[in-house]
Amino acid sequence: MLLSFALVVGVPVAYATPQNWVESKKLLWVGSGVWIALVIVVGVLNFFVV
């Protein structure tokens, strides 16, 4: 949940300033990838529980 909140706040801030976007592009891609991986892991684990 904290990662989702950080992405919701951080992505618009990064898009708002071109200089910040260039500096934080890699971090945003990594954060988005981690978020997607967590969604997939939770889905797979939920499959085994139910």
PDB file of N, CA and C in Angstrom:
ATOM      1  N   MET A   1       0.816  -1.180   0.000  1.00  0.00           N
ATOM      2  CA  MET A   1       0.000   0.000   0.000  1.00  0.00           C
ATOM      3  C   MET A   1       0.871   1.259   0.000  1.00  0.00           C
ATOM      4  N   LEU A   2       1.982   1.200   0.702  1.00  0.00           N
ATOM      5  CA  LEU A   2       2.879   2.355   0.717  1.00  0.00           C
ATOM      6  C   LEU A   2       3.497   2.601  -0.653  1.00  0.00           C
ATOM      7  N   LEU A   3       3.824   1.529  -1.365  1.00  0.00           N
ATOM      8  CA  LEU A   3       4.386   1.682  -2.703  1.00  0.00           C
ATOM      9  C   LEU A   3       3.365   2.315  -3.638  1.00  0.00           C
ATOM     10  N   SER A   4       2.117   1.902  -3.550  1.00  0.00           N
ATOM     11  CA  SER A   4       1.064   2.489  -4.375  1.00  0.00           C
ATOM     12  C   SER A   4       0.909   3.972  -4.070  1.00  0.00           C
ATOM     13  N   PHE A   5       0.918   4.323  -2.793  1.00  0.00           N
ATOM     14  CA  PHE A   5       0.801   5.729  -2.413  1.00  0.00           C
ATOM     15  C   PHE A   5       1.988   6.532  -2.937  1.00  0.00           C
ATOM     16  N   ALA A   6       3.188   5.977  -2.821  1.00  0.00           N
ATOM     17  CA  ALA A   6       4.376   6.671  -3.316  1.00  0.00           C
ATOM     18  C   ALA A   6       4.302   6.882  -4.823  1.00  0.00           C
ATOM     19  N   LEU A   7       3.802   5.898  -5.561  1.00  0.00           N
ATOM     20  CA  LEU A   7       3.674   6.048  -7.007  1.00  0.00           C
ATOM     21  C   LEU A   7       2.597   7.059  -7.368  1.00  0.00           C
ATOM     22  N   VAL A   8       1.486   7.063  -6.631  1.00  0.00           N
ATOM     23  CA  VAL A   8       0.408   8.020  -6.909  1.00  0.00           C
ATOM     24  C   VAL A   8       0.890   9.448  -6.693  1.00  0.00           C
ATOM     25  N   VAL A   9       1.718   9.658  -5.700  1.00  0.00           N
ATOM     26  CA  VAL A   9       2.233  10.996  -5.424  1.00  0.00           C
ATOM     27  C   VAL A   9       3.448  11.305  -6.294  1.00  0.00           C
ATOM     28  N   GLY A  10       4.334  10.351  -6.458  1.00  0.00           N
ATOM     29  CA  GLY A  10       5.605  10.605  -7.129  1.00  0.00           C
ATOM     30  C   GLY A  10       5.529  10.762  -8.632  1.00  0.00           C
ATOM     31  N   VAL A  11       4.673  10.011  -9.293  1.00  0.00           N
ATOM     32  CA  VAL A  11       4.615  10.061 -10.759  1.00  0.00           C
ATOM     33  C   VAL A  11       4.138  11.422 -11.256  1.00  0.00           C
ATOM     34  N   PRO A  12       3.044  11.991 -10.739  1.00  0.00           N
ATOM     35  CA  PRO A  12       2.658  13.324 -11.218  1.00  0.00           C
ATOM     36  C   PRO A  12       3.707  14.392 -10.924  1.00  0.00           C
ATOM     37  N   VAL A  13       4.379  14.275  -9.792  1.00  0.00           N
ATOM     38  CA  VAL A  13       5.430  15.238  -9.470  1.00  0.00           C
ATOM     39  C   VAL A  13       6.573  15.107 -10.467  1.00  0.00           C
ATOM     40  N   ALA A  14       6.923  13.889 -10.828  1.00  0.00           N
ATOM     41  CA  ALA A  14       8.010  13.673 -11.789  1.00  0.00           C
ATOM     42  C   ALA A  14       7.629  14.193 -13.172  1.00  0.00           C
ATOM     43  N   TYR A  15       6.368  14.024 -13.568  1.00  0.00           N
ATOM     44  CA  TYR A  15       5.923  14.531 -14.867  1.00  0.00           C
ATOM     45  C   TYR A  15       5.819  16.054 -14.882  1.00  0.00           C
ATOM     46  N   ALA A  16       5.617  16.678 -13.737  1.00  0.00           N
ATOM     47  CA  ALA A  16       5.395  18.122 -13.677  1.00  0.00           C
ATOM     48  C   ALA A  16       6.652  18.908 -14.030  1.00  0.00           C
ATOM     49  N   THR A  17       7.813  18.394 -13.681  1.00  0.00           N
ATOM     50  CA  THR A  17       9.048  19.119 -13.962  1.00  0.00           C
ATOM     51  C   THR A  17       9.934  18.277 -14.869  1.00  0.00           C
ATOM     52  N   PRO A  18      10.276  18.802 -16.043  1.00  0.00           N
ATOM     53  CA  PRO A  18      11.102  18.024 -16.985  1.00  0.00           C
ATOM     54  C   PRO A  18      12.450  17.596 -16.396  1.00  0.00           C
ATOM     55  N   GLN A  19      13.071  18.448 -15.609  1.00  0.00           N
ATOM     56  CA  GLN A  19      14.371  18.089 -15.038  1.00  0.00           C
ATOM     57  C   GLN A  19      14.220  16.915 -14.075  1.00  0.00           C
ATOM     58  N   ASN A  20      13.195  16.940 -13.262  1.00  0.00           N
ATOM     59  CA  ASN A  20      12.968  15.852 -12.313  1.00  0.00           C
ATOM     60  C   ASN A  20      12.633  14.563 -13.046  1.00  0.00           C
ATOM     61  N   TRP A  21      11.934  14.653 -14.172  1.00  0.00           N
ATOM     62  CA  TRP A  21      11.577  13.461 -14.951  1.00  0.00           C
ATOM     63  C   TRP A  21      12.830  12.767 -15.459  1.00  0.00           C
ATOM     64  N   VAL A  22      13.778  13.540 -15.965  1.00  0.00           N
ATOM     65  CA  VAL A  22      15.012  12.951 -16.492  1.00  0.00           C
ATOM     66  C   VAL A  22      15.784  12.253 -15.374  1.00  0.00           C
ATOM     67  N   GLU A  23      15.814  12.865 -14.215  1.00  0.00           N
ATOM     68  CA  GLU A  23      16.581  12.306 -13.100  1.00  0.00           C
ATOM     69  C   GLU A  23      15.920  11.079 -12.478  1.00  0.00           C
ATOM     70  N   SER A  24      14.593  11.047 -12.472  1.00  0.00           N
ATOM     71  CA  SER A  24      13.910   9.982 -11.733  1.00  0.00           C
ATOM     72  C   SER A  24      13.212   8.966 -12.628  1.00  0.00           C
ATOM     73  N   LYS A  25      13.476   9.000 -13.932  1.00  0.00           N
ATOM     74  CA  LYS A  25      12.807   8.076 -14.846  1.00  0.00           C
ATOM     75  C   LYS A  25      13.098   6.621 -14.487  1.00  0.00           C
ATOM     76  N   LYS A  26      14.362   6.299 -14.219  1.00  0.00           N
ATOM     77  CA  LYS A  26      14.723   4.918 -13.899  1.00  0.00           C
ATOM     78  C   LYS A  26      14.050   4.461 -12.607  1.00  0.00           C
ATOM     79  N   LEU A  27      14.027   5.326 -11.608  1.00  0.00           N
ATOM     80  CA  LEU A  27      13.390   4.984 -10.337  1.00  0.00           C
ATOM     81  C   LEU A  27      11.896   4.731 -10.518  1.00  0.00           C
ATOM     82  N   LEU A  28      11.240   5.516 -11.357  1.00  0.00           N
ATOM     83  CA  LEU A  28       9.811   5.311 -11.606  1.00  0.00           C
ATOM     84  C   LEU A  28       9.560   3.999 -12.334  1.00  0.00           C
ATOM     85  N   TRP A  29      10.415   3.653 -13.288  1.00  0.00           N
ATOM     86  CA  TRP A  29      10.253   2.376 -13.994  1.00  0.00           C
ATOM     87  C   TRP A  29      10.459   1.205 -13.046  1.00  0.00           C
ATOM     88  N   VAL A  30      11.458   1.300 -12.193  1.00  0.00           N
ATOM     89  CA  VAL A  30      11.710   0.225 -11.225  1.00  0.00           C
ATOM     90  C   VAL A  30      10.549   0.116 -10.238  1.00  0.00           C
ATOM     91  N   GLY A  31      10.072   1.245  -9.743  1.00  0.00           N
ATOM     92  CA  GLY A  31       8.937   1.229  -8.825  1.00  0.00           C
ATOM     93  C   GLY A  31       7.689   0.652  -9.461  1.00  0.00           C
ATOM     94  N   SER A  32       7.448   1.001 -10.716  1.00  0.00           N
ATOM     95  CA  SER A  32       6.287   0.454 -11.422  1.00  0.00           C
ATOM     96  C   SER A  32       6.435  -1.045 -11.633  1.00  0.00           C
ATOM     97  N   GLY A  33       7.635  -1.486 -11.973  1.00  0.00           N
ATOM     98  CA  GLY A  33       7.876  -2.918 -12.155  1.00  0.00           C
ATOM     99  C   GLY A  33       7.690  -3.701 -10.868  1.00  0.00           C
ATOM    100  N   VAL A  34       8.172  -3.142  -9.761  1.00  0.00           N
ATOM    101  CA  VAL A  34       7.997  -3.800  -8.467  1.00  0.00           C
ATOM    102  C   VAL A  34       6.518  -3.867  -8.112  1.00  0.00           C
ATOM    103  N   TRP A  35       5.779  -2.790  -8.387  1.00  0.00           N
ATOM    104  CA  TRP A  35       4.343  -2.777  -8.095  1.00  0.00           C
ATOM    105  C   TRP A  35       3.614  -3.845  -8.904  1.00  0.00           C
ATOM    106  N   ILE A  36       3.934  -3.958 -10.188  1.00  0.00           N
ATOM    107  CA  ILE A  36       3.307  -4.976 -11.040  1.00  0.00           C
ATOM    108  C   ILE A  36       3.664  -6.372 -10.540  1.00  0.00           C
ATOM    109  N   ALA A  37       4.924  -6.575 -10.160  1.00  0.00           N
ATOM    110  CA  ALA A  37       5.341  -7.876  -9.636  1.00  0.00           C
ATOM    111  C   ALA A  37       4.585  -8.219  -8.354  1.00  0.00           C
ATOM    112  N   LEU A  38       4.388  -7.243  -7.481  1.00  0.00           N
ATOM    113  CA  LEU A  38       3.641  -7.498  -6.251  1.00  0.00           C
ATOM    114  C   LEU A  38       2.190  -7.859  -6.542  1.00  0.00           C
ATOM    115  N   VAL A  39       1.585  -7.202  -7.516  1.00  0.00           N
ATOM    116  CA  VAL A  39       0.204  -7.526  -7.889  1.00  0.00           C
ATOM    117  C   VAL A  39       0.127  -8.967  -8.394  1.00  0.00           C
ATOM    118  N   ILE A  40       1.086  -9.374  -9.213  1.00  0.00           N
ATOM    119  CA  ILE A  40       1.093 -10.739  -9.749  1.00  0.00           C
ATOM    120  C   ILE A  40       1.326 -11.752  -8.630  1.00  0.00           C
ATOM    121  N   VAL A  41       2.269 -11.466  -7.735  1.00  0.00           N
ATOM    122  CA  VAL A  41       2.554 -12.381  -6.627  1.00  0.00           C
ATOM    123  C   VAL A  41       1.334 -12.537  -5.729  1.00  0.00           C
ATOM    124  N   VAL A  42       0.663 -11.442  -5.412  1.00  0.00           N
ATOM    125  CA  VAL A  42      -0.538 -11.526  -4.575  1.00  0.00           C
ATOM    126  C   VAL A  42      -1.624 -12.320  -5.290  1.00  0.00           C
ATOM    127  N   GLY A  43      -1.761 -12.134  -6.593  1.00  0.00           N
ATOM    128  CA  GLY A  43      -2.745 -12.907  -7.352  1.00  0.00           C
ATOM    129  C   GLY A  43      -2.443 -14.392  -7.342  1.00  0.00           C
ATOM    130  N   VAL A  44      -1.179 -14.755  -7.513  1.00  0.00           N
ATOM    131  CA  VAL A  44      -0.792 -16.170  -7.500  1.00  0.00           C
ATOM    132  C   VAL A  44      -1.010 -16.765  -6.111  1.00  0.00           C
ATOM    133  N   LEU A  45      -0.599 -16.047  -5.075  1.00  0.00           N
ATOM    134  CA  LEU A  45      -0.805 -16.546  -3.715  1.00  0.00           C
ATOM    135  C   LEU A  45      -2.289 -16.663  -3.389  1.00  0.00           C
ATOM    136  N   ASN A  46      -3.084 -15.737  -3.865  1.00  0.00           N
ATOM    137  CA  ASN A  46      -4.529 -15.804  -3.648  1.00  0.00           C
ATOM    138  C   ASN A  46      -5.120 -17.026  -4.343  1.00  0.00           C
ATOM    139  N   PHE A  47      -4.574 -17.394  -5.483  1.00  0.00           N
ATOM    140  CA  PHE A  47      -5.037 -18.580  -6.203  1.00  0.00           C
ATOM    141  C   PHE A  47      -4.841 -19.835  -5.353  1.00  0.00           C
ATOM    142  N   PHE A  48      -3.711 -19.918  -4.644  1.00  0.00           N
ATOM    143  CA  PHE A  48      -3.430 -21.087  -3.822  1.00  0.00           C
ATOM    144  C   PHE A  48      -4.251 -21.104  -2.536  1.00  0.00           C
ATOM    145  N   VAL A  49      -4.609 -19.950  -2.018  1.00  0.00           N
ATOM    146  CA  VAL A  49      -5.366 -19.877  -0.770  1.00  0.00           C
ATOM    147  C   VAL A  49      -6.825 -20.227  -1.011  1.00  0.00           C
ATOM    148  N   VAL A  50      -7.380 -19.720  -2.081  1.00  0.00           N
ATOM    149  CA  VAL A  50      -8.808 -19.949  -2.353  1.00  0.00           C
ATOM    150  C   VAL A  50      -8.946 -21.228  -3.036  1.00  0.00           C
TER     151      VAL A  50
END
